[in-house]
PDB file of N, CA and C in Angstrom:
ATOM      1  N   MET A   1      32.293  31.047  19.200  1.00  0.00           N
ATOM      2  CA  MET A   1      33.419  31.571  18.461  1.00  0.00           C
ATOM      3  C   MET A   1      33.010  32.792  17.647  1.00  0.00           C
ATOM      4  N   GLY A   2      31.857  32.747  16.998  1.00  0.00           N
ATOM      5  CA  GLY A   2      31.405  33.871  16.192  1.00  0.00           C
ATOM      6  C   GLY A   2      31.224  35.139  17.014  1.00  0.00           C
ATOM      7  N   ASP A   3      30.768  34.990  18.272  1.00  0.00           N
ATOM      8  CA  ASP A   3      30.556  36.169  19.108  1.00  0.00           C
ATOM      9  C   ASP A   3      31.862  36.899  19.386  1.00  0.00           C
ATOM     10  N   ILE A   4      32.930  36.164  19.603  1.00  0.00           N
ATOM     11  CA  ILE A   4      34.227  36.791  19.854  1.00  0.00           C
ATOM     12  C   ILE A   4      34.666  37.579  18.635  1.00  0.00           C
ATOM     13  N   LEU A   5      34.541  36.988  17.461  1.00  0.00           N
ATOM     14  CA  LEU A   5      34.943  37.685  16.241  1.00  0.00           C
ATOM     15  C   LEU A   5      34.056  38.894  15.994  1.00  0.00           C
ATOM     16  N   MET A   6      32.779  38.777  16.259  1.00  0.00           N
ATOM     17  CA  MET A   6      31.875  39.903  16.048  1.00  0.00           C
ATOM     18  C   MET A   6      32.228  41.042  17.002  1.00  0.00           C
ATOM     19  N   ARG A   7      32.542  40.724  18.247  1.00  0.00           N
ATOM     20  CA  ARG A   7      32.890  41.762  19.215  1.00  0.00           C
ATOM     21  C   ARG A   7      34.175  42.455  18.761  1.00  0.00           C
ATOM     22  N   TYR A   8      35.148  41.706  18.295  1.00  0.00           N
ATOM     23  CA  TYR A   8      36.402  42.267  17.796  1.00  0.00           C
ATOM     24  C   TYR A   8      36.130  43.249  16.672  1.00  0.00           C
ATOM     25  N   LYS A   9      35.285  42.879  15.746  1.00  0.00           N
ATOM     26  CA  LYS A   9      34.995  43.753  14.614  1.00  0.00           C
ATOM     27  C   LYS A   9      34.290  45.026  15.081  1.00  0.00           C
ATOM     28  N   ARG A  10      33.431  44.912  16.046  1.00  0.00           N
ATOM     29  CA  ARG A  10      32.690  46.085  16.518  1.00  0.00           C
ATOM     30  C   ARG A  10      33.587  47.058  17.270  1.00  0.00           C
ATOM     31  N   ASP A  11      34.705  46.582  17.805  1.00  0.00           N
ATOM     32  CA  ASP A  11      35.598  47.434  18.579  1.00  0.00           C
ATOM     33  C   ASP A  11      36.554  48.245  17.716  1.00  0.00           C
ATOM     34  N   GLU A  12      36.523  48.064  16.407  1.00  0.00           N
ATOM     35  CA  GLU A  12      37.417  48.831  15.552  1.00  0.00           C
ATOM     36  C   GLU A  12      37.131  50.317  15.684  1.00  0.00           C
ATOM     37  N   ALA A  13      38.180  51.116  15.510  1.00  0.00           N
ATOM     38  CA  ALA A  13      38.062  52.561  15.698  1.00  0.00           C
ATOM     39  C   ALA A  13      37.176  53.214  14.640  1.00  0.00           C
ATOM     40  N   PHE A  14      37.153  52.673  13.447  1.00  0.00           N
ATOM     41  CA  PHE A  14      36.414  53.299  12.356  1.00  0.00           C
ATOM     42  C   PHE A  14      35.517  52.276  11.682  1.00  0.00           C
ATOM     43  N   ARG A  15      34.226  52.543  11.659  1.00  0.00           N
ATOM     44  CA  ARG A  15      33.278  51.679  10.956  1.00  0.00           C
ATOM     45  C   ARG A  15      32.236  52.583  10.320  1.00  0.00           C
ATOM     46  N   PHE A  16      32.055  52.448   9.000  1.00  0.00           N
ATOM     47  CA  PHE A  16      31.113  53.276   8.258  1.00  0.00           C
ATOM     48  C   PHE A  16      29.870  52.456   7.968  1.00  0.00           C
ATOM     49  N   GLU A  17      28.719  52.915   8.450  1.00  0.00           N
ATOM     50  CA  GLU A  17      27.448  52.241   8.182  1.00  0.00           C
ATOM     51  C   GLU A  17      26.727  52.978   7.068  1.00  0.00           C
ATOM     52  N   PHE A  18      26.309  52.234   6.066  1.00  0.00           N
ATOM     53  CA  PHE A  18      25.595  52.821   4.939  1.00  0.00           C
ATOM     54  C   PHE A  18      24.135  53.027   5.317  1.00  0.00           C
ATOM     55  N   GLY A  19      23.582  54.206   5.011  1.00  0.00           N
ATOM     56  CA  GLY A  19      22.161  54.440   5.236  1.00  0.00           C
ATOM     57  C   GLY A  19      21.346  53.498   4.370  1.00  0.00           C
ATOM     58  N   GLU A  20      21.715  53.421   3.115  1.00  0.00           N
ATOM     59  CA  GLU A  20      21.127  52.494   2.140  1.00  0.00           C
ATOM     60  C   GLU A  20      22.221  51.482   1.814  1.00  0.00           C
ATOM     61  N   PRO A  21      22.015  50.174   2.102  1.00  0.00           N
ATOM     62  CA  PRO A  21      23.072  49.198   1.834  1.00  0.00           C
ATOM     63  C   PRO A  21      23.590  49.287   0.396  1.00  0.00           C
ATOM     64  N   LEU A  22      24.885  49.069   0.244  1.00  0.00           N
ATOM     65  CA  LEU A  22      25.573  49.192  -1.034  1.00  0.00           C
ATOM     66  C   LEU A  22      25.555  47.853  -1.772  1.00  0.00           C
ATOM     67  N   SER A  23      25.137  47.849  -3.035  1.00  0.00           N
ATOM     68  CA  SER A  23      25.135  46.622  -3.838  1.00  0.00           C
ATOM     69  C   SER A  23      26.569  46.212  -4.151  1.00  0.00           C
ATOM     70  N   ILE A  24      26.850  44.929  -3.967  1.00  0.00           N
ATOM     71  CA  ILE A  24      28.180  44.390  -4.258  1.00  0.00           C
ATOM     72  C   ILE A  24      28.033  43.065  -4.999  1.00  0.00           C
ATOM     73  N   VAL A  25      29.134  42.625  -5.581  1.00  0.00           N
ATOM     74  CA  VAL A  25      29.215  41.312  -6.223  1.00  0.00           C
ATOM     75  C   VAL A  25      30.405  40.595  -5.600  1.00  0.00           C
ATOM     76  N   PHE A  26      30.238  39.306  -5.313  1.00  0.00           N
ATOM     77  CA  PHE A  26      31.360  38.555  -4.753  1.00  0.00           C
ATOM     78  C   PHE A  26      31.470  37.186  -5.407  1.00  0.00           C
ATOM     79  N   THR A  27      32.668  36.639  -5.352  1.00  0.00           N
ATOM     80  CA  THR A  27      32.903  35.263  -5.786  1.00  0.00           C
ATOM     81  C   THR A  27      33.700  34.559  -4.696  1.00  0.00           C
ATOM     82  N   ILE A  28      33.504  33.265  -4.589  1.00  0.00           N
ATOM     83  CA  ILE A  28      34.322  32.464  -3.681  1.00  0.00           C
ATOM     84  C   ILE A  28      35.571  32.078  -4.460  1.00  0.00           C
ATOM     85  N   GLU A  29      36.743  32.416  -3.912  1.00  0.00           N
ATOM     86  CA  GLU A  29      38.021  32.152  -4.574  1.00  0.00           C
ATOM     87  C   GLU A  29      38.704  30.897  -4.059  1.00  0.00           C
ATOM     88  N   GLN A  30      38.521  30.654  -2.763  1.00  0.00           N
ATOM     89  CA  GLN A  30      39.263  29.571  -2.144  1.00  0.00           C
ATOM     90  C   GLN A  30      38.429  28.953  -1.030  1.00  0.00           C
ATOM     91  N   LEU A  31      38.462  27.630  -0.936  1.00  0.00           N
ATOM     92  CA  LEU A  31      37.766  26.912   0.118  1.00  0.00           C
ATOM     93  C   LEU A  31      38.739  25.921   0.730  1.00  0.00           C
ATOM     94  N   ASN A  32      39.048  26.115   2.004  1.00  0.00           N
ATOM     95  CA  ASN A  32      39.984  25.251   2.727  1.00  0.00           C
ATOM     96  C   ASN A  32      41.313  25.085   1.993  1.00  0.00           C
ATOM     97  N   GLY A  33      41.841  26.196   1.486  1.00  0.00           N
ATOM     98  CA  GLY A  33      43.152  26.190   0.841  1.00  0.00           C
ATOM     99  C   GLY A  33      43.154  25.777  -0.615  1.00  0.00           C
ATOM    100  N   LYS A  34      42.008  25.396  -1.164  1.00  0.00           N
ATOM    101  CA  LYS A  34      41.932  24.977  -2.567  1.00  0.00           C
ATOM    102  C   LYS A  34      41.226  26.041  -3.390  1.00  0.00           C
ATOM    103  N   SER A  35      41.816  26.388  -4.534  1.00  0.00           N
ATOM    104  CA  SER A  35      41.189  27.362  -5.432  1.00  0.00           C
ATOM    105  C   SER A  35      39.894  26.794  -5.977  1.00  0.00           C
ATOM    106  N   VAL A  36      38.873  27.636  -6.030  1.00  0.00           N
ATOM    107  CA  VAL A  36      37.582  27.238  -6.587  1.00  0.00           C
ATOM    108  C   VAL A  36      37.106  28.329  -7.534  1.00  0.00           C
ATOM    109  N   THR A  37      36.204  27.949  -8.419  1.00  0.00           N
ATOM    110  CA  THR A  37      35.589  28.912  -9.324  1.00  0.00           C
ATOM    111  C   THR A  37      34.100  28.930  -9.018  1.00  0.00           C
ATOM    112  N   SER A  38      33.605  30.087  -8.635  1.00  0.00           N
ATOM    113  CA  SER A  38      32.173  30.194  -8.354  1.00  0.00           C
ATOM    114  C   SER A  38      31.576  31.252  -9.265  1.00  0.00           C
ATOM    115  N   SER A  39      30.280  31.160  -9.433  1.00  0.00           N
ATOM    116  CA  SER A  39      29.597  32.218 -10.176  1.00  0.00           C
ATOM    117  C   SER A  39      29.499  33.444  -9.267  1.00  0.00           C
ATOM    118  N   ASP A  40      29.174  34.582  -9.865  1.00  0.00           N
ATOM    119  CA  ASP A  40      29.024  35.808  -9.087  1.00  0.00           C
ATOM    120  C   ASP A  40      27.829  35.696  -8.149  1.00  0.00           C
ATOM    121  N   GLY A  41      28.009  36.145  -6.930  1.00  0.00           N
ATOM    122  CA  GLY A  41      26.923  36.221  -5.966  1.00  0.00           C
ATOM    123  C   GLY A  41      26.593  37.678  -5.704  1.00  0.00           C
ATOM    124  N   GLU A  42      25.318  37.970  -5.575  1.00  0.00           N
ATOM    125  CA  GLU A  42      24.903  39.338  -5.271  1.00  0.00           C
ATOM    126  C   GLU A  42      24.699  39.475  -3.775  1.00  0.00           C
ATOM    127  N   ALA A  43      25.077  40.647  -3.255  1.00  0.00           N
ATOM    128  CA  ALA A  43      24.921  40.912  -1.830  1.00  0.00           C
ATOM    129  C   ALA A  43      24.797  42.412  -1.614  1.00  0.00           C
ATOM    130  N   LYS A  44      24.528  42.769  -0.382  1.00  0.00           N
ATOM    131  CA  LYS A  44      24.477  44.173   0.042  1.00  0.00           C
ATOM    132  C   LYS A  44      25.507  44.350   1.150  1.00  0.00           C
ATOM    133  N   MET A  45      26.281  45.423   1.054  1.00  0.00           N
ATOM    134  CA  MET A  45      27.228  45.746   2.110  1.00  0.00           C
ATOM    135  C   MET A  45      26.501  46.624   3.131  1.00  0.00           C
ATOM    136  N   LEU A  46      26.470  46.167   4.382  1.00  0.00           N
ATOM    137  CA  LEU A  46      25.788  46.906   5.436  1.00  0.00           C
ATOM    138  C   LEU A  46      26.708  47.933   6.087  1.00  0.00           C
ATOM    139  N   ASP A  47      27.969  47.538   6.293  1.00  0.00           N
ATOM    140  CA  ASP A  47      28.951  48.469   6.840  1.00  0.00           C
ATOM    141  C   ASP A  47      30.345  48.027   6.432  1.00  0.00           C
ATOM    142  N   ILE A  48      31.315  48.939   6.649  1.00  0.00           N
ATOM    143  CA  ILE A  48      32.688  48.659   6.254  1.00  0.00           C
ATOM    144  C   ILE A  48      33.642  49.381   7.190  1.00  0.00           C
ATOM    145  N   SER A  49      34.791  48.759   7.427  1.00  0.00           N
ATOM    146  CA  SER A  49      35.891  49.395   8.140  1.00  0.00           C
ATOM    147  C   SER A  49      37.125  49.186   7.264  1.00  0.00           C
ATOM    148  N   LEU A  50      38.266  49.644   7.726  1.00  0.00           N
ATOM    149  CA  LEU A  50      39.474  49.471   6.920  1.00  0.00           C
ATOM    150  C   LEU A  50      39.934  48.017   6.888  1.00  0.00           C
ATOM    151  N   ASN A  51      39.435  47.200   7.821  1.00  0.00           N
ATOM    152  CA  ASN A  51      39.861  45.803   7.882  1.00  0.00           C
ATOM    153  C   ASN A  51      38.744  44.791   7.701  1.00  0.00           C
ATOM    154  N   GLY A  52      37.532  45.253   7.436  1.00  0.00           N
ATOM    155  CA  GLY A  52      36.452  44.295   7.297  1.00  0.00           C
ATOM    156  C   GLY A  52      35.148  44.929   6.880  1.00  0.00           C
ATOM    157  N   MET A  53      34.156  44.078   6.698  1.00  0.00           N
ATOM    158  CA  MET A  53      32.833  44.558   6.314  1.00  0.00           C
ATOM    159  C   MET A  53      31.783  43.543   6.727  1.00  0.00           C
ATOM    160  N   LYS A  54      30.542  43.996   6.718  1.00  0.00           N
ATOM    161  CA  LYS A  54      29.399  43.133   6.992  1.00  0.00           C
ATOM    162  C   LYS A  54      28.555  43.126   5.731  1.00  0.00           C
ATOM    163  N   ILE A  55      28.255  41.916   5.219  1.00  0.00           N
ATOM    164  CA  ILE A  55      27.466  41.801   3.995  1.00  0.00           C
ATOM    165  C   ILE A  55      26.224  40.944   4.242  1.00  0.00           C
ATOM    166  N   LEU A  56      25.202  41.175   3.422  1.00  0.00           N
ATOM    167  CA  LEU A  56      23.923  40.472   3.517  1.00  0.00           C
ATOM    168  C   LEU A  56      23.620  39.840   2.168  1.00  0.00           C
ATOM    169  N   THR A  57      23.305  38.541   2.166  1.00  0.00           N
ATOM    170  CA  THR A  57      22.979  37.838   0.927  1.00  0.00           C
ATOM    171  C   THR A  57      21.992  36.713   1.216  1.00  0.00           C
ATOM    172  N   SER A  58      21.338  36.233   0.175  1.00  0.00           N
ATOM    173  CA  SER A  58      20.422  35.101   0.333  1.00  0.00           C
ATOM    174  C   SER A  58      21.171  33.769   0.260  1.00  0.00           C
ATOM    175  N   LEU A  59      22.462  33.813  -0.051  1.00  0.00           N
ATOM    176  CA  LEU A  59      23.251  32.591  -0.215  1.00  0.00           C
ATOM    177  C   LEU A  59      23.750  32.062   1.125  1.00  0.00           C
ATOM    178  N   ASN A  60      23.554  30.766   1.342  1.00  0.00           N
ATOM    179  CA  ASN A  60      24.016  30.100   2.559  1.00  0.00           C
ATOM    180  C   ASN A  60      25.387  29.494   2.292  1.00  0.00           C
ATOM    181  N   ILE A  61      26.415  30.104   2.848  1.00  0.00           N
ATOM    182  CA  ILE A  61      27.795  29.656   2.642  1.00  0.00           C
ATOM    183  C   ILE A  61      28.271  29.015   3.946  1.00  0.00           C
ATOM    184  N   PRO A  62      28.800  27.784   3.889  1.00  0.00           N
ATOM    185  CA  PRO A  62      29.224  27.089   5.110  1.00  0.00           C
ATOM    186  C   PRO A  62      30.515  27.685   5.680  1.00  0.00           C
ATOM    187  N   VAL A  63      30.380  28.639   6.600  1.00  0.00           N
ATOM    188  CA  VAL A  63      31.533  29.356   7.143  1.00  0.00           C
ATOM    189  C   VAL A  63      32.240  28.566   8.234  1.00  0.00           C
ATOM    190  N   TYR A  64      31.473  28.096   9.232  1.00  0.00           N
ATOM    191  CA  TYR A  64      32.089  27.448  10.384  1.00  0.00           C
ATOM    192  C   TYR A  64      32.695  26.106   9.997  1.00  0.00           C
ATOM    193  N   GLY A  65      33.945  25.904  10.411  1.00  0.00           N
ATOM    194  CA  GLY A  65      34.667  24.686  10.071  1.00  0.00           C
ATOM    195  C   GLY A  65      35.308  24.743   8.703  1.00  0.00           C
ATOM    196  N   ASN A  66      35.172  25.861   8.016  1.00  0.00           N
ATOM    197  CA  ASN A  66      35.759  26.029   6.686  1.00  0.00           C
ATOM    198  C   ASN A  66      36.529  27.343   6.614  1.00  0.00           C
ATOM    199  N   ASP A  67      37.535  27.362   5.760  1.00  0.00           N
ATOM    200  CA  ASP A  67      38.309  28.568   5.480  1.00  0.00           C
ATOM    201  C   ASP A  67      37.845  29.067   4.115  1.00  0.00           C
ATOM    202  N   VAL A  68      36.974  30.088   4.105  1.00  0.00           N
ATOM    203  CA  VAL A  68      36.340  30.568   2.874  1.00  0.00           C
ATOM    204  C   VAL A  68      36.883  31.953   2.527  1.00  0.00           C
ATOM    205  N   TRP A  69      37.577  32.051   1.376  1.00  0.00           N
ATOM    206  CA  TRP A  69      38.100  33.323   0.879  1.00  0.00           C
ATOM    207  C   TRP A  69      37.225  33.809  -0.264  1.00  0.00           C
ATOM    208  N   VAL A  70      36.877  35.094  -0.211  1.00  0.00           N
ATOM    209  CA  VAL A  70      36.027  35.690  -1.238  1.00  0.00           C
ATOM    210  C   VAL A  70      36.717  36.905  -1.848  1.00  0.00           C
ATOM    211  N   SER A  71      36.281  37.238  -3.053  1.00  0.00           N
ATOM    212  CA  SER A  71      36.690  38.472  -3.716  1.00  0.00           C
ATOM    213  C   SER A  71      35.430  39.312  -3.861  1.00  0.00           C
ATOM    214  N   ILE A  72      35.461  40.537  -3.338  1.00  0.00           N
ATOM    215  CA  ILE A  72      34.283  41.404  -3.311  1.00  0.00           C
ATOM    216  C   ILE A  72      34.543  42.633  -4.163  1.00  0.00           C
ATOM    217  N   SER A  73      33.618  42.913  -5.090  1.00  0.00           N
ATOM    218  CA  SER A  73      33.743  44.077  -5.979  1.00  0.00           C
ATOM    219  C   SER A  73      32.594  45.039  -5.715  1.00  0.00           C
ATOM    220  N   PHE A  74      32.934  46.335  -5.666  1.00  0.00           N
ATOM    221  CA  PHE A  74      31.914  47.367  -5.474  1.00  0.00           C
ATOM    222  C   PHE A  74      32.448  48.709  -5.941  1.00  0.00           C
ATOM    223  N   SER A  75      31.531  49.640  -6.139  1.00  0.00           N
ATOM    224  CA  SER A  75      31.889  51.003  -6.540  1.00  0.00           C
ATOM    225  C   SER A  75      31.491  51.967  -5.437  1.00  0.00           C
ATOM    226  N   LEU A  76      32.345  52.964  -5.244  1.00  0.00           N
ATOM    227  CA  LEU A  76      32.130  53.974  -4.222  1.00  0.00           C
ATOM    228  C   LEU A  76      32.680  55.290  -4.744  1.00  0.00           C
ATOM    229  N   ASN A  77      31.822  56.295  -4.892  1.00  0.00           N
ATOM    230  CA  ASN A  77      32.258  57.609  -5.395  1.00  0.00           C
ATOM    231  C   ASN A  77      33.028  57.502  -6.708  1.00  0.00           C
ATOM    232  N   ASN A  78      32.517  56.758  -7.639  1.00  0.00           N
ATOM    233  CA  ASN A  78      33.134  56.572  -8.960  1.00  0.00           C
ATOM    234  C   ASN A  78      34.463  55.830  -8.917  1.00  0.00           C
ATOM    235  N   SER A  79      34.808  55.234  -7.797  1.00  0.00           N
ATOM    236  CA  SER A  79      35.996  54.382  -7.690  1.00  0.00           C
ATOM    237  C   SER A  79      35.519  52.941  -7.594  1.00  0.00           C
ATOM    238  N   THR A  80      36.214  52.048  -8.282  1.00  0.00           N
ATOM    239  CA  THR A  80      35.871  50.633  -8.229  1.00  0.00           C
ATOM    240  C   THR A  80      36.882  49.919  -7.340  1.00  0.00           C
ATOM    241  N   TYR A  81      36.372  49.098  -6.446  1.00  0.00           N
ATOM    242  CA  TYR A  81      37.222  48.357  -5.520  1.00  0.00           C
ATOM    243  C   TYR A  81      37.027  46.860  -5.727  1.00  0.00           C
ATOM    244  N   LYS A  82      38.119  46.124  -5.577  1.00  0.00           N
ATOM    245  CA  LYS A  82      38.074  44.663  -5.546  1.00  0.00           C
ATOM    246  C   LYS A  82      38.902  44.262  -4.330  1.00  0.00           C
ATOM    247  N   ILE A  83      38.221  43.722  -3.336  1.00  0.00           N
ATOM    248  CA  ILE A  83      38.844  43.423  -2.053  1.00  0.00           C
ATOM    249  C   ILE A  83      38.744  41.930  -1.775  1.00  0.00           C
ATOM    250  N   ARG A  84      39.837  41.363  -1.297  1.00  0.00           N
ATOM    251  CA  ARG A  84      39.890  39.952  -0.940  1.00  0.00           C
ATOM    252  C   ARG A  84      39.753  39.831   0.572  1.00  0.00           C
ATOM    253  N   GLY A  85      38.980  38.842   1.007  1.00  0.00           N
ATOM    254  CA  GLY A  85      38.813  38.653   2.441  1.00  0.00           C
ATOM    255  C   GLY A  85      38.330  37.256   2.772  1.00  0.00           C
ATOM    256  N   THR A  86      38.282  36.974   4.053  1.00  0.00           N
ATOM    257  CA  THR A  86      37.824  35.672   4.517  1.00  0.00           C
ATOM    258  C   THR A  86      36.542  35.843   5.335  1.00  0.00           C
ATOM    259  N   LEU A  87      35.607  34.921   5.157  1.00  0.00           N
ATOM    260  CA  LEU A  87      34.358  34.949   5.926  1.00  0.00           C
ATOM    261  C   LEU A  87      34.657  34.410   7.321  1.00  0.00           C
ATOM    262  N   VAL A  88      34.355  35.210   8.355  1.00  0.00           N
ATOM    263  CA  VAL A  88      34.720  34.807   9.712  1.00  0.00           C
ATOM    264  C   VAL A  88      33.525  34.456  10.592  1.00  0.00           C
ATOM    265  N   TRP A  89      32.341  34.929  10.252  1.00  0.00           N
ATOM    266  CA  TRP A  89      31.147  34.552  11.004  1.00  0.00           C
ATOM    267  C   TRP A  89      29.916  34.707  10.118  1.00  0.00           C
ATOM    268  N   VAL A  90      28.827  34.093  10.545  1.00  0.00           N
ATOM    269  CA  VAL A  90      27.559  34.189   9.820  1.00  0.00           C
ATOM    270  C   VAL A  90      26.415  34.207  10.832  1.00  0.00           C
ATOM    271  N   GLU A  91      25.371  34.969  10.514  1.00  0.00           N
ATOM    272  CA  GLU A  91      24.126  34.986  11.293  1.00  0.00           C
ATOM    273  C   GLU A  91      22.969  34.859  10.322  1.00  0.00           C
ATOM    274  N   LYS A  92      22.022  33.981  10.634  1.00  0.00           N
ATOM    275  CA  LYS A  92      20.823  33.876   9.800  1.00  0.00           C
ATOM    276  C   LYS A  92      19.886  35.012  10.179  1.00  0.00           C
ATOM    277  N   ASN A  93      19.361  35.694   9.173  1.00  0.00           N
ATOM    278  CA  ASN A  93      18.456  36.822   9.380  1.00  0.00           C
ATOM    279  C   ASN A  93      17.227  36.581   8.504  1.00  0.00           C
ATOM    280  N   PHE A  94      16.209  35.925   9.070  1.00  0.00           N
ATOM    281  CA  PHE A  94      15.027  35.492   8.325  1.00  0.00           C
ATOM    282  C   PHE A  94      15.464  34.590   7.176  1.00  0.00           C
ATOM    283  N   ASP A  95      15.245  34.979   5.913  1.00  0.00           N
ATOM    284  CA  ASP A  95      15.628  34.118   4.790  1.00  0.00           C
ATOM    285  C   ASP A  95      16.949  34.564   4.157  1.00  0.00           C
ATOM    286  N   GLU A  96      17.715  35.388   4.875  1.00  0.00           N
ATOM    287  CA  GLU A  96      19.005  35.850   4.366  1.00  0.00           C
ATOM    288  C   GLU A  96      20.090  35.591   5.407  1.00  0.00           C
ATOM    289  N   TYR A  97      21.329  35.825   5.000  1.00  0.00           N
ATOM    290  CA  TYR A  97      22.475  35.574   5.862  1.00  0.00           C
ATOM    291  C   TYR A  97      23.356  36.818   5.916  1.00  0.00           C
ATOM    292  N   VAL A  98      23.800  37.151   7.124  1.00  0.00           N
ATOM    293  CA  VAL A  98      24.725  38.264   7.327  1.00  0.00           C
ATOM    294  C   VAL A  98      26.092  37.651   7.622  1.00  0.00           C
ATOM    295  N   TYR A  99      27.108  38.085   6.873  1.00  0.00           N
ATOM    296  CA  TYR A  99      28.467  37.566   7.025  1.00  0.00           C
ATOM    297  C   TYR A  99      29.414  38.664   7.466  1.00  0.00           C
ATOM    298  N   GLY A 100      30.333  38.295   8.342  1.00  0.00           N
ATOM    299  CA  GLY A 100      31.441  39.168   8.694  1.00  0.00           C
ATOM    300  C   GLY A 100      32.625  38.791   7.829  1.00  0.00           C
ATOM    301  N   VAL A 101      33.231  39.775   7.190  1.00  0.00           N
ATOM    302  CA  VAL A 101      34.363  39.539   6.292  1.00  0.00           C
ATOM    303  C   VAL A 101      35.580  40.258   6.858  1.00  0.00           C
ATOM    304  N   HIS A 102      36.663  39.520   7.068  1.00  0.00           N
ATOM    305  CA  HIS A 102      37.937  40.146   7.451  1.00  0.00           C
ATOM    306  C   HIS A 102      38.727  40.354   6.165  1.00  0.00           C
ATOM    307  N   CYS A 103      39.065  41.608   5.867  1.00  0.00           N
ATOM    308  CA  CYS A 103      39.668  41.957   4.576  1.00  0.00           C
ATOM    309  C   CYS A 103      41.185  42.029   4.640  1.00  0.00           C
ATOM    310  N   GLU A 104      41.770  41.714   3.506  1.00  0.00           N
ATOM    311  CA  GLU A 104      43.212  41.772   3.300  1.00  0.00           C
ATOM    312  C   GLU A 104      43.473  43.022   2.463  1.00  0.00           C
ATOM    313  N   ASN A 105      43.774  44.149   3.095  1.00  0.00           N
ATOM    314  CA  ASN A 105      43.929  45.410   2.374  1.00  0.00           C
ATOM    315  C   ASN A 105      45.328  45.973   2.562  1.00  0.00           C
ATOM    316  N   ASP A 106      45.927  46.432   1.464  1.00  0.00           N
ATOM    317  CA  ASP A 106      47.224  47.090   1.588  1.00  0.00           C
ATOM    318  C   ASP A 106      47.005  48.545   2.011  1.00  0.00           C
ATOM    319  N   PRO A 107      48.033  49.203   2.554  1.00  0.00           N
ATOM    320  CA  PRO A 107      47.876  50.581   3.051  1.00  0.00           C
ATOM    321  C   PRO A 107      47.373  51.570   1.997  1.00  0.00           C
ATOM    322  N   GLU A 108      47.786  51.416   0.752  1.00  0.00           N
ATOM    323  CA  GLU A 108      47.334  52.332  -0.302  1.00  0.00           C
ATOM    324  C   GLU A 108      45.831  52.181  -0.536  1.00  0.00           C
ATOM    325  N   LEU A 109      45.364  50.944  -0.597  1.00  0.00           N
ATOM    326  CA  LEU A 109      43.928  50.702  -0.771  1.00  0.00           C
ATOM    327  C   LEU A 109      43.154  51.251   0.429  1.00  0.00           C
ATOM    328  N   GLN A 110      43.685  51.064   1.636  1.00  0.00           N
ATOM    329  CA  GLN A 110      43.017  51.588   2.827  1.00  0.00           C
ATOM    330  C   GLN A 110      42.902  53.107   2.767  1.00  0.00           C
ATOM    331  N   ASP A 111      43.968  53.785   2.314  1.00  0.00           N
ATOM    332  CA  ASP A 111      43.928  55.251   2.184  1.00  0.00           C
ATOM    333  C   ASP A 111      42.871  55.682   1.179  1.00  0.00           C
ATOM    334  N   ASP A 112      42.834  55.010   0.017  1.00  0.00           N
ATOM    335  CA  ASP A 112      41.838  55.340  -1.011  1.00  0.00           C
ATOM    336  C   ASP A 112      40.421  55.123  -0.477  1.00  0.00           C
ATOM    337  N   LEU A 113      40.226  53.994   0.181  1.00  0.00           N
ATOM    338  CA  LEU A 113      38.914  53.665   0.736  1.00  0.00           C
ATOM    339  C   LEU A 113      38.501  54.689   1.796  1.00  0.00           C
ATOM    340  N   LEU A 114      39.417  55.034   2.684  1.00  0.00           N
ATOM    341  CA  LEU A 114      39.114  56.013   3.726  1.00  0.00           C
ATOM    342  C   LEU A 114      38.721  57.357   3.111  1.00  0.00           C
ATOM    343  N   ASN A 115      39.453  57.798   2.100  1.00  0.00           N
ATOM    344  CA  ASN A 115      39.127  59.068   1.439  1.00  0.00           C
ATOM    345  C   ASN A 115      37.748  59.027   0.797  1.00  0.00           C
ATOM    346  N   ASP A 116      37.423  57.929   0.105  1.00  0.00           N
ATOM    347  CA  ASP A 116      36.100  57.807  -0.517  1.00  0.00           C
ATOM    348  C   ASP A 116      34.992  57.761   0.532  1.00  0.00           C
ATOM    349  N   LEU A 117      35.239  57.092   1.646  1.00  0.00           N
ATOM    350  CA  LEU A 117      34.228  57.027   2.703  1.00  0.00           C
ATOM    351  C   LEU A 117      34.020  58.392   3.362  1.00  0.00           C
ATOM    352  N   LYS A 118      35.086  59.164   3.494  1.00  0.00           N
ATOM    353  CA  LYS A 118      34.942  60.526   4.043  1.00  0.00           C
ATOM    354  C   LYS A 118      34.072  61.380   3.123  1.00  0.00           C
ATOM    355  N   VAL A 119      34.320  61.290   1.815  1.00  0.00           N
ATOM    356  CA  VAL A 119      33.517  62.048   0.847  1.00  0.00           C
ATOM    357  C   VAL A 119      32.058  61.611   0.928  1.00  0.00           C
ATOM    358  N   LEU A 120      31.826  60.303   0.965  1.00  0.00           N
ATOM    359  CA  LEU A 120      30.462  59.785   1.055  1.00  0.00           C
ATOM    360  C   LEU A 120      29.790  60.234   2.350  1.00  0.00           C
ATOM    361  N   GLY A 121      30.531  60.212   3.451  1.00  0.00           N
ATOM    362  CA  GLY A 121      29.988  60.656   4.734  1.00  0.00           C
ATOM    363  C   GLY A 121      29.558  62.112   4.703  1.00  0.00           C
ATOM    364  N   LYS A 122      30.359  62.949   4.058  1.00  0.00           N
ATOM    365  CA  LYS A 122      30.003  64.367   3.934  1.00  0.00           C
ATOM    366  C   LYS A 122      28.750  64.538   3.084  1.00  0.00           C
ATOM    367  N   LYS A 123      28.652  63.767   1.996  1.00  0.00           N
ATOM    368  CA  LYS A 123      27.457  63.834   1.145  1.00  0.00           C
ATOM    369  C   LYS A 123      26.215  63.430   1.933  1.00  0.00           C
ATOM    370  N   MET A 124      26.332  62.358   2.724  1.00  0.00           N
ATOM    371  CA  MET A 124      25.190  61.885   3.513  1.00  0.00           C
ATOM    372  C   MET A 124      24.806  62.915   4.572  1.00  0.00           C
ATOM    373  N   ALA A 125      25.787  63.560   5.192  1.00  0.00           N
ATOM    374  CA  ALA A 125      25.510  64.568   6.224  1.00  0.00           C
ATOM    375  C   ALA A 125      24.820  65.789   5.624  1.00  0.00           C
ATOM    376  N   ASN A 126      25.191  66.145   4.402  1.00  0.00           N
ATOM    377  CA  ASN A 126      24.591  67.309   3.744  1.00  0.00           C
ATOM    378  C   ASN A 126      23.150  67.059   3.315  1.00  0.00           C
ATOM    379  N   ARG A 127      22.756  65.798   3.156  1.00  0.00           N
ATOM    380  CA  ARG A 127      21.384  65.458   2.751  1.00  0.00           C
ATOM    381  C   ARG A 127      20.399  65.594   3.896  1.00  0.00           C
ATOM    382  N   LYS A 128      20.895  65.567   5.122  1.00  0.00           N
ATOM    383  CA  LYS A 128      20.004  65.579   6.302  1.00  0.00           C
ATOM    384  C   LYS A 128      19.401  66.929   6.528  1.00  0.00           C
TER     385      LYS A 128
END
């Protein structure tokens, strides 16, 4: 099941990969339809699209067989984002875990995010 979701995410038209992973903070908001309160978890964002992202953390979250909703906060080009999404797959990577997150983004947030990613992309291209 995870392979199908991963392939779907990879087929998106736009995916921005960070040269240096971006530090983020996340909390688990909901587990199987029930609201939960979790402490902040630290992670690194490896890539992002308008509908999802890939994050890396040392925390083992039981994704399969569970409906896990997270709130992810990060800064990009002096803009702060708080995005809600669901964990759809997980891969163990040595002593860390890589998660695929399907995001719930409104069109205005997607436009803001796309603009910030374009600016960041230009900055990265100019450094080369």
